[in-house]
Amino acid sequence: MAKKVVSKPLNEFLHYISVQKNYSFHTVSAYRRDLQQFISFTGNDIKDVDLDLLRKYLFFLKEKHYSPGSIARKIAAIKSFFNFLSRRGYLKKNPSLLLHAPKLPERLPSFLTYEEVEKILLAANGKDESGLRDRAIMELLYSSGLRVGELVSLKISDINIPEGTIRVKGKGNKERIVPVGSYALNVLFEYLSMRKDSRCPYVFLNKKKGALTARSVERIIKKYAKLACITKKITPHTFRHSFATHLLDRGADLRTVQELLGHSDISTTQIYTHVTVQRLREFYQKYHPRFDIVIEKSGNA
């Protein structure tokens, strides 16, 4: 019953975030699931929802042992939905304004060391089409810091080999030009030269000559991580984190890394400075000969 009552505003909201806000397909799907779950829980006309009911739903999520990250996403979906309903005149008051999601612990991004990057890239040493494709995928992820969604949607027309750049369509359909390192460029050229089917516009193809999926890229990376005997959890995003961390380690400024990653807000990029400072601190603690000396303060200082 509840779904029927709110189907029109819910569909309008999903259309709004998809078309006007340019949210990705995965984000829209997650918001749809989260809001349908919330609507099913309330069993009310959306106009009857108040702060007390929202807090009961938050308690329900905690009782069901959802992770803080999942709860935060669900609350974000609800707040965004109610903001939309208020602007469109479906609601006179927005009951979600005082609803707060649980505070998430700050998690530093996981990254590979230089040696680990070298190992995993050397493990992809096949000279056939699929071997070159796999090597090109990982070289490009590390060389340019692409998101996996940006990688799989990359088209041949986006590559400028003479200039050593690629045109990337990021979040919100924002385009940016990203430089590509010589190692990645060479193996990419080798792979494209060997590709047997040139009709598909996308760069990275599966066995059926269709565009490779993000899930397939993740499987490829896990395969070579295993071959390289790397036991830490690795995803395509790990290469992006490694790209940013290694640039900052070698003196790149934060604004440049922000542009390369396609972050709209520099605060998103700043988390990598925490990573590099933490590494410096660990290095200092390990190697400085007088680190373990405790300085005693006296009243005569």
C-alpha atoms as a PDB file:
ATOM      1  CA  MET A   1       0.000   0.000   0.000  1.00  0.00           C
ATOM      2  CA  ALA A   2       2.779   2.417   0.975  1.00  0.00           C
ATOM      3  CA  LYS A   3       4.629   1.900  -2.303  1.00  0.00           C
ATOM      4  CA  LYS A   4       1.476   2.707  -4.270  1.00  0.00           C
ATOM      5  CA  VAL A   5       0.903   5.956  -2.348  1.00  0.00           C
ATOM      6  CA  VAL A   6       4.413   7.271  -2.975  1.00  0.00           C
ATOM      7  CA  SER A   7       5.166   5.763  -6.378  1.00  0.00           C
ATOM      8  CA  LYS A   8       4.736   9.065  -8.259  1.00  0.00           C
ATOM      9  CA  PRO A   9       7.015  11.223  -6.051  1.00  0.00           C
ATOM     10  CA  LEU A  10       9.532   8.378  -5.741  1.00  0.00           C
ATOM     11  CA  ASN A  11       9.682   7.928  -9.508  1.00  0.00           C
ATOM     12  CA  GLU A  12      10.021  11.686  -9.961  1.00  0.00           C
ATOM     13  CA  PHE A  13      12.880  11.745  -7.464  1.00  0.00           C
ATOM     14  CA  LEU A  14      14.717   8.849  -9.138  1.00  0.00           C
ATOM     15  CA  HIS A  15      14.302  10.546 -12.516  1.00  0.00           C
ATOM     16  CA  TYR A  16      15.629  13.800 -11.020  1.00  0.00           C
ATOM     17  CA  ILE A  17      18.825  12.292  -9.578  1.00  0.00           C
ATOM     18  CA  SER A  18      19.401  10.254 -12.740  1.00  0.00           C
ATOM     19  CA  VAL A  19      18.788  12.926 -15.383  1.00  0.00           C
ATOM     20  CA  GLN A  20      19.349  16.283 -13.698  1.00  0.00           C
ATOM     21  CA  LYS A  21      21.934  15.320 -11.072  1.00  0.00           C
ATOM     22  CA  ASN A  22      23.694  12.807 -13.350  1.00  0.00           C
ATOM     23  CA  TYR A  23      24.018  10.200 -10.596  1.00  0.00           C
ATOM     24  CA  SER A  24      25.462   6.900 -11.791  1.00  0.00           C
ATOM     25  CA  PHE A  25      23.253   3.901 -12.528  1.00  0.00           C
ATOM     26  CA  HIS A  26      24.607   2.129  -9.420  1.00  0.00           C
ATOM     27  CA  THR A  27      23.846   5.107  -7.148  1.00  0.00           C
ATOM     28  CA  VAL A  28      20.295   5.441  -8.500  1.00  0.00           C
ATOM     29  CA  SER A  29      19.730   1.698  -8.015  1.00  0.00           C
ATOM     30  CA  ALA A  30      21.027   1.875  -4.434  1.00  0.00           C
ATOM     31  CA  TYR A  31      18.787   4.872  -3.646  1.00  0.00           C
ATOM     32  CA  ARG A  32      15.784   3.029  -5.114  1.00  0.00           C
ATOM     33  CA  ARG A  33      16.394  -0.017  -2.927  1.00  0.00           C
ATOM     34  CA  ASP A  34      17.033   2.067   0.188  1.00  0.00           C
ATOM     35  CA  LEU A  35      13.902   4.175  -0.270  1.00  0.00           C
ATOM     36  CA  GLN A  36      11.695   1.209  -1.060  1.00  0.00           C
ATOM     37  CA  GLN A  37      12.920  -0.448   2.138  1.00  0.00           C
ATOM     38  CA  PHE A  38      12.121   2.728   4.096  1.00  0.00           C
ATOM     39  CA  ILE A  39       8.660   3.037   2.518  1.00  0.00           C
ATOM     40  CA  SER A  40       7.930  -0.606   3.300  1.00  0.00           C
ATOM     41  CA  PHE A  41       8.926   0.004   6.941  1.00  0.00           C
ATOM     42  CA  THR A  42       6.754   3.102   7.402  1.00  0.00           C
ATOM     43  CA  GLY A  43       3.583   1.727   5.799  1.00  0.00           C
ATOM     44  CA  ASN A  44       2.271   5.310   5.775  1.00  0.00           C
ATOM     45  CA  ASP A  45       1.413   8.053   3.392  1.00  0.00           C
ATOM     46  CA  ILE A  46       4.682   9.960   3.030  1.00  0.00           C
ATOM     47  CA  LYS A  47       2.977  13.072   4.444  1.00  0.00           C
ATOM     48  CA  ASP A  48       2.495  11.249   7.777  1.00  0.00           C
ATOM     49  CA  VAL A  49       6.204  10.601   8.297  1.00  0.00           C
ATOM     50  CA  ASP A  50       7.645  12.626  11.172  1.00  0.00           C
ATOM     51  CA  LEU A  51      10.990  12.819  12.967  1.00  0.00           C
ATOM     52  CA  ASP A  52       9.883  10.234  15.539  1.00  0.00           C
ATOM     53  CA  LEU A  53       9.167   7.678  12.817  1.00  0.00           C
ATOM     54  CA  LEU A  54      12.498   8.436  11.137  1.00  0.00           C
ATOM     55  CA  ARG A  55      14.308   7.821  14.417  1.00  0.00           C
ATOM     56  CA  LYS A  56      12.444   4.528  14.862  1.00  0.00           C
ATOM     57  CA  TYR A  57      13.651   3.520  11.405  1.00  0.00           C
ATOM     58  CA  LEU A  58      17.228   4.414  12.355  1.00  0.00           C
ATOM     59  CA  PHE A  59      16.877   2.241  15.480  1.00  0.00           C
ATOM     60  CA  PHE A  60      15.448  -0.568  13.314  1.00  0.00           C
ATOM     61  CA  LEU A  61      18.516  -0.436  11.034  1.00  0.00           C
ATOM     62  CA  LYS A  62      20.858  -0.649  14.034  1.00  0.00           C
ATOM     63  CA  GLU A  63      18.876  -3.586  15.441  1.00  0.00           C
ATOM     64  CA  LYS A  64      19.269  -5.389  12.114  1.00  0.00           C
ATOM     65  CA  HIS A  65      23.051  -4.912  12.445  1.00  0.00           C
ATOM     66  CA  TYR A  66      23.544  -2.871   9.292  1.00  0.00           C
ATOM     67  CA  SER A  67      27.057  -1.448   9.131  1.00  0.00           C
ATOM     68  CA  PRO A  68      27.544   2.268   9.902  1.00  0.00           C
ATOM     69  CA  GLY A  69      28.419   2.811   6.234  1.00  0.00           C
ATOM     70  CA  SER A  70      25.179   1.191   5.016  1.00  0.00           C
ATOM     71  CA  ILE A  71      23.117   3.161   7.541  1.00  0.00           C
ATOM     72  CA  ALA A  72      24.814   6.409   6.498  1.00  0.00           C
ATOM     73  CA  ARG A  73      23.977   5.714   2.848  1.00  0.00           C
ATOM     74  CA  LYS A  74      20.349   4.891   3.646  1.00  0.00           C
ATOM     75  CA  ILE A  75      19.951   8.065   5.734  1.00  0.00           C
ATOM     76  CA  ALA A  76      21.558  10.109   2.946  1.00  0.00           C
ATOM     77  CA  ALA A  77      19.000   8.678   0.494  1.00  0.00           C
ATOM     78  CA  ILE A  78      16.110   9.539   2.829  1.00  0.00           C
ATOM     79  CA  LYS A  79      17.339  13.081   3.483  1.00  0.00           C
ATOM     80  CA  SER A  80      17.873  13.703  -0.230  1.00  0.00           C
ATOM     81  CA  PHE A  81      14.390  12.324  -0.979  1.00  0.00           C
ATOM     82  CA  PHE A  82      12.711  14.506   1.647  1.00  0.00           C
ATOM     83  CA  ASN A  83      14.606  17.592   0.479  1.00  0.00           C
ATOM     84  CA  PHE A  84      13.259  16.905  -2.998  1.00  0.00           C
ATOM     85  CA  LEU A  85       9.688  16.395  -1.693  1.00  0.00           C
ATOM     86  CA  SER A  86       9.848  19.681   0.222  1.00  0.00           C
ATOM     87  CA  ARG A  87      11.068  21.632  -2.818  1.00  0.00           C
ATOM     88  CA  ARG A  88       8.390  20.103  -5.024  1.00  0.00           C
ATOM     89  CA  GLY A  89       5.590  20.959  -2.550  1.00  0.00           C
ATOM     90  CA  TYR A  90       4.725  17.393  -1.551  1.00  0.00           C
ATOM     91  CA  LEU A  91       5.543  18.285   2.065  1.00  0.00           C
ATOM     92  CA  LYS A  92       4.991  21.441   4.097  1.00  0.00           C
ATOM     93  CA  LYS A  93       7.828  20.573   6.509  1.00  0.00           C
ATOM     94  CA  ASN A  94      10.905  18.427   6.060  1.00  0.00           C
ATOM     95  CA  PRO A  95      11.040  15.943   8.981  1.00  0.00           C
ATOM     96  CA  SER A  96      14.529  14.705   8.057  1.00  0.00           C
ATOM     97  CA  LEU A  97      16.353  17.977   8.810  1.00  0.00           C
ATOM     98  CA  LEU A  98      17.196  16.878  12.361  1.00  0.00           C
ATOM     99  CA  LEU A  99      17.919  13.247  11.447  1.00  0.00           C
ATOM    100  CA  HIS A 100      21.612  12.404  11.798  1.00  0.00           C
ATOM    101  CA  ALA A 101      23.389   9.325  10.541  1.00  0.00           C
ATOM    102  CA  PRO A 102      25.956   7.562  12.774  1.00  0.00           C
ATOM    103  CA  LYS A 103      29.403   9.101  12.584  1.00  0.00           C
ATOM    104  CA  LEU A 104      31.717   7.020  10.433  1.00  0.00           C
ATOM    105  CA  PRO A 105      35.242   6.267  11.604  1.00  0.00           C
ATOM    106  CA  GLU A 106      37.814   7.887   9.335  1.00  0.00           C
ATOM    107  CA  ARG A 107      39.298   5.184   7.137  1.00  0.00           C
ATOM    108  CA  LEU A 108      42.571   5.820   5.387  1.00  0.00           C
ATOM    109  CA  PRO A 109      42.591   4.455   1.838  1.00  0.00           C
ATOM    110  CA  SER A 110      44.467   1.219   1.254  1.00  0.00           C
ATOM    111  CA  PHE A 111      47.265   1.421  -1.292  1.00  0.00           C
ATOM    112  CA  LEU A 112      50.060  -0.644  -2.790  1.00  0.00           C
ATOM    113  CA  THR A 113      53.761  -0.023  -2.211  1.00  0.00           C
ATOM    114  CA  TYR A 114      55.983   0.673  -5.227  1.00  0.00           C
ATOM    115  CA  GLU A 115      57.310  -2.893  -4.954  1.00  0.00           C
ATOM    116  CA  GLU A 116      53.800  -4.379  -4.891  1.00  0.00           C
ATOM    117  CA  VAL A 117      52.774  -2.384  -7.960  1.00  0.00           C
ATOM    118  CA  GLU A 118      55.850  -3.685  -9.762  1.00  0.00           C
ATOM    119  CA  LYS A 119      55.088  -7.293  -8.757  1.00  0.00           C
ATOM    120  CA  ILE A 120      51.465  -7.251  -9.878  1.00  0.00           C
ATOM    121  CA  LEU A 121      52.314  -5.587 -13.200  1.00  0.00           C
ATOM    122  CA  LEU A 122      55.098  -8.085 -13.909  1.00  0.00           C
ATOM    123  CA  ALA A 123      52.681 -10.939 -13.169  1.00  0.00           C
ATOM    124  CA  ALA A 124      50.618  -9.843 -16.196  1.00  0.00           C
ATOM    125  CA  ASN A 125      53.196 -10.982 -18.742  1.00  0.00           C
ATOM    126  CA  GLY A 126      50.970 -12.640 -21.355  1.00  0.00           C
ATOM    127  CA  LYS A 127      51.659 -11.637 -24.954  1.00  0.00           C
ATOM    128  CA  ASP A 128      48.298 -12.659 -26.415  1.00  0.00           C
ATOM    129  CA  GLU A 129      45.348 -10.259 -26.744  1.00  0.00           C
ATOM    130  CA  SER A 130      43.848 -10.954 -23.307  1.00  0.00           C
ATOM    131  CA  GLY A 131      47.258 -10.816 -21.608  1.00  0.00           C
ATOM    132  CA  LEU A 132      48.065  -7.451 -23.153  1.00  0.00           C
ATOM    133  CA  ARG A 133      44.572  -6.211 -22.279  1.00  0.00           C
ATOM    134  CA  ASP A 134      45.035  -7.163 -18.624  1.00  0.00           C
ATOM    135  CA  ARG A 135      48.447  -5.483 -18.435  1.00  0.00           C
ATOM    136  CA  ALA A 136      47.075  -2.363 -20.160  1.00  0.00           C
ATOM    137  CA  ILE A 137      44.177  -2.197 -17.692  1.00  0.00           C
ATOM    138  CA  MET A 138      46.440  -2.214 -14.643  1.00  0.00           C
ATOM    139  CA  GLU A 139      49.070   0.068 -16.173  1.00  0.00           C
ATOM    140  CA  LEU A 140      46.360   2.595 -17.032  1.00  0.00           C
ATOM    141  CA  LEU A 141      44.689   2.422 -13.604  1.00  0.00           C
ATOM    142  CA  TYR A 142      48.027   3.088 -11.914  1.00  0.00           C
ATOM    143  CA  SER A 143      49.315   5.573 -14.476  1.00  0.00           C
ATOM    144  CA  SER A 144      46.224   7.799 -14.542  1.00  0.00           C
ATOM    145  CA  GLY A 145      44.285   7.120 -11.342  1.00  0.00           C
ATOM    146  CA  LEU A 146      41.056   6.299 -13.162  1.00  0.00           C
ATOM    147  CA  ARG A 147      37.934   5.045 -11.429  1.00  0.00           C
ATOM    148  CA  VAL A 148      36.960   1.594 -12.694  1.00  0.00           C
ATOM    149  CA  GLY A 149      33.747   3.048 -14.190  1.00  0.00           C
ATOM    150  CA  GLU A 150      35.834   5.565 -16.133  1.00  0.00           C
ATOM    151  CA  LEU A 151      38.125   2.799 -17.343  1.00  0.00           C
ATOM    152  CA  VAL A 152      35.400   0.486 -18.697  1.00  0.00           C
ATOM    153  CA  SER A 153      33.587   3.379 -20.424  1.00  0.00           C
ATOM    154  CA  LEU A 154      36.781   4.581 -22.126  1.00  0.00           C
ATOM    155  CA  LYS A 155      36.483   4.666 -25.921  1.00  0.00           C
ATOM    156  CA  ILE A 156      39.190   4.429 -28.561  1.00  0.00           C
ATOM    157  CA  SER A 157      38.289   7.952 -29.665  1.00  0.00           C
ATOM    158  CA  ASP A 158      39.182   9.180 -26.146  1.00  0.00           C
ATOM    159  CA  ILE A 159      42.840   8.180 -26.549  1.00  0.00           C
ATOM    160  CA  ASN A 160      45.382  10.609 -27.980  1.00  0.00           C
ATOM    161  CA  ILE A 161      48.545   8.560 -28.334  1.00  0.00           C
ATOM    162  CA  PRO A 162      50.711  11.316 -29.951  1.00  0.00           C
ATOM    163  CA  GLU A 163      49.969  13.673 -27.034  1.00  0.00           C
ATOM    164  CA  GLY A 164      49.997  10.906 -24.421  1.00  0.00           C
ATOM    165  CA  THR A 165      46.599  11.821 -22.964  1.00  0.00           C
ATOM    166  CA  ILE A 166      43.103  10.388 -22.580  1.00  0.00           C
ATOM    167  CA  ARG A 167      39.748  12.129 -22.304  1.00  0.00           C
ATOM    168  CA  VAL A 168      37.871  10.848 -19.262  1.00  0.00           C
ATOM    169  CA  LYS A 169      34.191  11.272 -18.467  1.00  0.00           C
ATOM    170  CA  GLY A 170      33.942  11.287 -14.681  1.00  0.00           C
ATOM    171  CA  LYS A 171      31.188  11.715 -12.115  1.00  0.00           C
ATOM    172  CA  GLY A 172      28.353  13.976 -13.209  1.00  0.00           C
ATOM    173  CA  ASN A 173      29.538  13.548 -16.828  1.00  0.00           C
ATOM    174  CA  LYS A 174      32.398  15.990 -16.153  1.00  0.00           C
ATOM    175  CA  GLU A 175      35.196  15.594 -18.663  1.00  0.00           C
ATOM    176  CA  ARG A 176      38.877  15.930 -17.891  1.00  0.00           C
ATOM    177  CA  ILE A 177      42.092  15.347 -19.820  1.00  0.00           C
ATOM    178  CA  VAL A 178      44.512  13.021 -18.045  1.00  0.00           C
ATOM    179  CA  PRO A 179      48.155  12.323 -18.999  1.00  0.00           C
ATOM    180  CA  VAL A 180      49.225   8.709 -19.495  1.00  0.00           C
ATOM    181  CA  GLY A 181      52.673   7.394 -18.622  1.00  0.00           C
ATOM    182  CA  SER A 182      54.913   5.890 -21.290  1.00  0.00           C
ATOM    183  CA  TYR A 183      54.680   2.337 -19.885  1.00  0.00           C
ATOM    184  CA  ALA A 184      50.876   2.401 -19.998  1.00  0.00           C
ATOM    185  CA  LEU A 185      50.842   4.091 -23.383  1.00  0.00           C
ATOM    186  CA  ASN A 186      53.158   1.505 -24.951  1.00  0.00           C
ATOM    187  CA  VAL A 187      51.230  -1.540 -23.729  1.00  0.00           C
ATOM    188  CA  LEU A 188      47.920   0.161 -24.624  1.00  0.00           C
ATOM    189  CA  PHE A 189      49.166   0.729 -28.180  1.00  0.00           C
ATOM    190  CA  GLU A 190      50.347  -2.890 -28.349  1.00  0.00           C
ATOM    191  CA  TYR A 191      46.968  -4.174 -27.168  1.00  0.00           C
ATOM    192  CA  LEU A 192      44.959  -2.021 -29.572  1.00  0.00           C
ATOM    193  CA  SER A 193      47.208  -3.101 -32.471  1.00  0.00           C
ATOM    194  CA  MET A 194      46.484  -6.762 -31.687  1.00  0.00           C
ATOM    195  CA  ARG A 195      42.731  -6.371 -31.099  1.00  0.00           C
ATOM    196  CA  LYS A 196      40.908  -8.591 -33.573  1.00  0.00           C
ATOM    197  CA  ASP A 197      37.619  -6.689 -33.499  1.00  0.00           C
ATOM    198  CA  SER A 198      37.819  -2.959 -34.152  1.00  0.00           C
ATOM    199  CA  ARG A 199      34.056  -2.331 -34.527  1.00  0.00           C
ATOM    200  CA  CYS A 200      33.353  -1.923 -30.804  1.00  0.00           C
ATOM    201  CA  PRO A 201      34.101   1.679 -29.760  1.00  0.00           C
ATOM    202  CA  TYR A 202      35.228   0.726 -26.245  1.00  0.00           C
ATOM    203  CA  VAL A 203      38.886   0.117 -25.462  1.00  0.00           C
ATOM    204  CA  PHE A 204      38.679  -2.929 -23.206  1.00  0.00           C
ATOM    205  CA  LEU A 205      36.670  -5.873 -24.526  1.00  0.00           C
ATOM    206  CA  ASN A 206      35.601  -9.225 -23.132  1.00  0.00           C
ATOM    207  CA  LYS A 207      35.775 -12.551 -24.974  1.00  0.00           C
ATOM    208  CA  LYS A 208      32.478 -11.823 -26.732  1.00  0.00           C
ATOM    209  CA  LYS A 209      33.899  -8.535 -28.046  1.00  0.00           C
ATOM    210  CA  GLY A 210      31.628  -6.422 -25.871  1.00  0.00           C
ATOM    211  CA  ALA A 211      32.696  -3.783 -23.356  1.00  0.00           C
ATOM    212  CA  LEU A 212      34.344  -5.180 -20.225  1.00  0.00           C
ATOM    213  CA  THR A 213      32.415  -4.681 -16.966  1.00  0.00           C
ATOM    214  CA  ALA A 214      33.693  -3.263 -13.677  1.00  0.00           C
ATOM    215  CA  ARG A 215      33.155  -6.660 -12.046  1.00  0.00           C
ATOM    216  CA  SER A 216      35.334  -8.324 -14.702  1.00  0.00           C
ATOM    217  CA  VAL A 217      38.114  -5.790 -14.096  1.00  0.00           C
ATOM    218  CA  GLU A 218      38.001  -6.603 -10.389  1.00  0.00           C
ATOM    219  CA  ARG A 219      38.311 -10.329 -11.144  1.00  0.00           C
ATOM    220  CA  ILE A 220      41.283  -9.658 -13.421  1.00  0.00           C
ATOM    221  CA  ILE A 221      43.085  -7.662 -10.726  1.00  0.00           C
ATOM    222  CA  LYS A 222      42.461 -10.292  -8.041  1.00  0.00           C
ATOM    223  CA  LYS A 223      43.842 -12.946 -10.408  1.00  0.00           C
ATOM    224  CA  TYR A 224      47.176 -11.136 -10.848  1.00  0.00           C
ATOM    225  CA  ALA A 225      47.400 -10.144  -7.182  1.00  0.00           C
ATOM    226  CA  LYS A 226      47.225 -13.862  -6.361  1.00  0.00           C
ATOM    227  CA  LEU A 227      49.889 -14.654  -8.980  1.00  0.00           C
ATOM    228  CA  ALA A 228      52.092 -11.930  -7.470  1.00  0.00           C
ATOM    229  CA  CYS A 229      51.560 -13.426  -3.964  1.00  0.00           C
ATOM    230  CA  ILE A 230      50.055 -10.182  -2.651  1.00  0.00           C
ATOM    231  CA  THR A 231      47.767 -11.080   0.237  1.00  0.00           C
ATOM    232  CA  LYS A 232      46.236  -7.679   1.035  1.00  0.00           C
ATOM    233  CA  LYS A 233      42.771  -6.956  -0.338  1.00  0.00           C
ATOM    234  CA  ILE A 234      43.088  -5.296  -3.749  1.00  0.00           C
ATOM    235  CA  THR A 235      40.360  -3.728  -5.895  1.00  0.00           C
ATOM    236  CA  PRO A 236      40.557  -1.477  -8.965  1.00  0.00           C
ATOM    237  CA  HIS A 237      40.226   1.488  -6.579  1.00  0.00           C
ATOM    238  CA  THR A 238      43.428   0.392  -4.822  1.00  0.00           C
ATOM    239  CA  PHE A 239      45.347   1.461  -7.937  1.00  0.00           C
ATOM    240  CA  ARG A 240      43.675   4.882  -7.781  1.00  0.00           C
ATOM    241  CA  HIS A 241      44.681   5.254  -4.118  1.00  0.00           C
ATOM    242  CA  SER A 242      48.224   4.125  -4.955  1.00  0.00           C
ATOM    243  CA  PHE A 243      48.426   6.608  -7.844  1.00  0.00           C
ATOM    244  CA  ALA A 244      47.491   9.545  -5.584  1.00  0.00           C
ATOM    245  CA  THR A 245      49.641   8.443  -2.642  1.00  0.00           C
ATOM    246  CA  HIS A 246      52.755   7.885  -4.735  1.00  0.00           C
ATOM    247  CA  LEU A 247      52.372  11.263  -6.483  1.00  0.00           C
ATOM    248  CA  LEU A 248      52.183  13.074  -3.142  1.00  0.00           C
ATOM    249  CA  ASP A 249      55.097  11.009  -1.805  1.00  0.00           C
ATOM    250  CA  ARG A 250      57.189  12.340  -4.673  1.00  0.00           C
ATOM    251  CA  GLY A 251      56.294  15.966  -4.163  1.00  0.00           C
ATOM    252  CA  ALA A 252      53.192  16.578  -6.287  1.00  0.00           C
ATOM    253  CA  ASP A 253      51.005  19.388  -4.972  1.00  0.00           C
ATOM    254  CA  LEU A 254      47.500  18.673  -3.731  1.00  0.00           C
ATOM    255  CA  ARG A 255      45.729  20.810  -6.359  1.00  0.00           C
ATOM    256  CA  THR A 256      47.386  18.902  -9.208  1.00  0.00           C
ATOM    257  CA  VAL A 257      46.400  15.546  -7.711  1.00  0.00           C
ATOM    258  CA  GLN A 258      42.846  16.881  -7.247  1.00  0.00           C
ATOM    259  CA  GLU A 259      42.662  17.742 -10.958  1.00  0.00           C
ATOM    260  CA  LEU A 260      44.093  14.395 -12.031  1.00  0.00           C
ATOM    261  CA  LEU A 261      41.631  12.453  -9.857  1.00  0.00           C
ATOM    262  CA  GLY A 262      38.672  14.571 -10.959  1.00  0.00           C
ATOM    263  CA  HIS A 263      37.670  15.535  -7.414  1.00  0.00           C
ATOM    264  CA  SER A 264      35.300  18.509  -7.309  1.00  0.00           C
ATOM    265  CA  ASP A 265      36.255  19.266  -3.691  1.00  0.00           C
ATOM    266  CA  ILE A 266      39.864  19.346  -2.501  1.00  0.00           C
ATOM    267  CA  SER A 267      38.789  18.029   0.915  1.00  0.00           C
ATOM    268  CA  THR A 268      38.224  14.655  -0.794  1.00  0.00           C
ATOM    269  CA  THR A 269      41.834  14.683  -1.983  1.00  0.00           C
ATOM    270  CA  GLN A 270      43.213  15.762   1.395  1.00  0.00           C
ATOM    271  CA  ILE A 271      42.725  12.287   2.888  1.00  0.00           C
ATOM    272  CA  TYR A 272      45.839  11.249   0.940  1.00  0.00           C
ATOM    273  CA  THR A 273      47.916  13.756   2.888  1.00  0.00           C
ATOM    274  CA  HIS A 274      46.968  11.836   6.044  1.00  0.00           C
ATOM    275  CA  VAL A 275      48.298   8.680   4.385  1.00  0.00           C
ATOM    276  CA  THR A 276      51.631  10.258   3.469  1.00  0.00           C
ATOM    277  CA  VAL A 277      52.070  11.909   6.884  1.00  0.00           C
ATOM    278  CA  GLN A 278      51.315   8.577   8.567  1.00  0.00           C
ATOM    279  CA  ARG A 279      53.949   6.870   6.419  1.00  0.00           C
ATOM    280  CA  LEU A 280      56.502   9.564   7.288  1.00  0.00           C
ATOM    281  CA  ARG A 281      55.731   9.128  10.978  1.00  0.00           C
ATOM    282  CA  GLU A 282      56.151   5.331  10.767  1.00  0.00           C
ATOM    283  CA  PHE A 283      59.431   5.766   8.894  1.00  0.00           C
ATOM    284  CA  TYR A 284      60.631   8.281  11.493  1.00  0.00           C
ATOM    285  CA  GLN A 285      59.693   6.036  14.399  1.00  0.00           C
ATOM    286  CA  LYS A 286      61.452   3.085  12.814  1.00  0.00           C
ATOM    287  CA  TYR A 287      64.692   4.740  11.776  1.00  0.00           C
ATOM    288  CA  HIS A 288      65.338   7.828  13.911  1.00  0.00           C
ATOM    289  CA  PRO A 289      68.028   6.902  16.490  1.00  0.00           C
ATOM    290  CA  ARG A 290      66.641   9.114  19.252  1.00  0.00           C
ATOM    291  CA  PHE A 291      62.908   8.626  18.769  1.00  0.00           C
ATOM    292  CA  ASP A 292      62.476   6.494  21.899  1.00  0.00           C
ATOM    293  CA  ILE A 293      64.030   9.069  24.264  1.00  0.00           C
ATOM    294  CA  VAL A 294      61.399  10.603  26.541  1.00  0.00           C
ATOM    295  CA  ILE A 295      61.806  14.306  27.234  1.00  0.00           C
ATOM    296  CA  GLU A 296      61.037  15.104  30.849  1.00  0.00           C
ATOM    297  CA  LYS A 297      59.617  18.552  31.508  1.00  0.00           C
ATOM    298  CA  SER A 298      60.839  20.389  34.598  1.00  0.00           C
ATOM    299  CA  GLY A 299      59.410  23.366  36.348  1.00  0.00           C
ATOM    300  CA  ASN A 300      62.637  25.319  35.600  1.00  0.00           C
ATOM    301  CA  ALA A 301      62.196  25.144  31.847  1.00  0.00           C
END
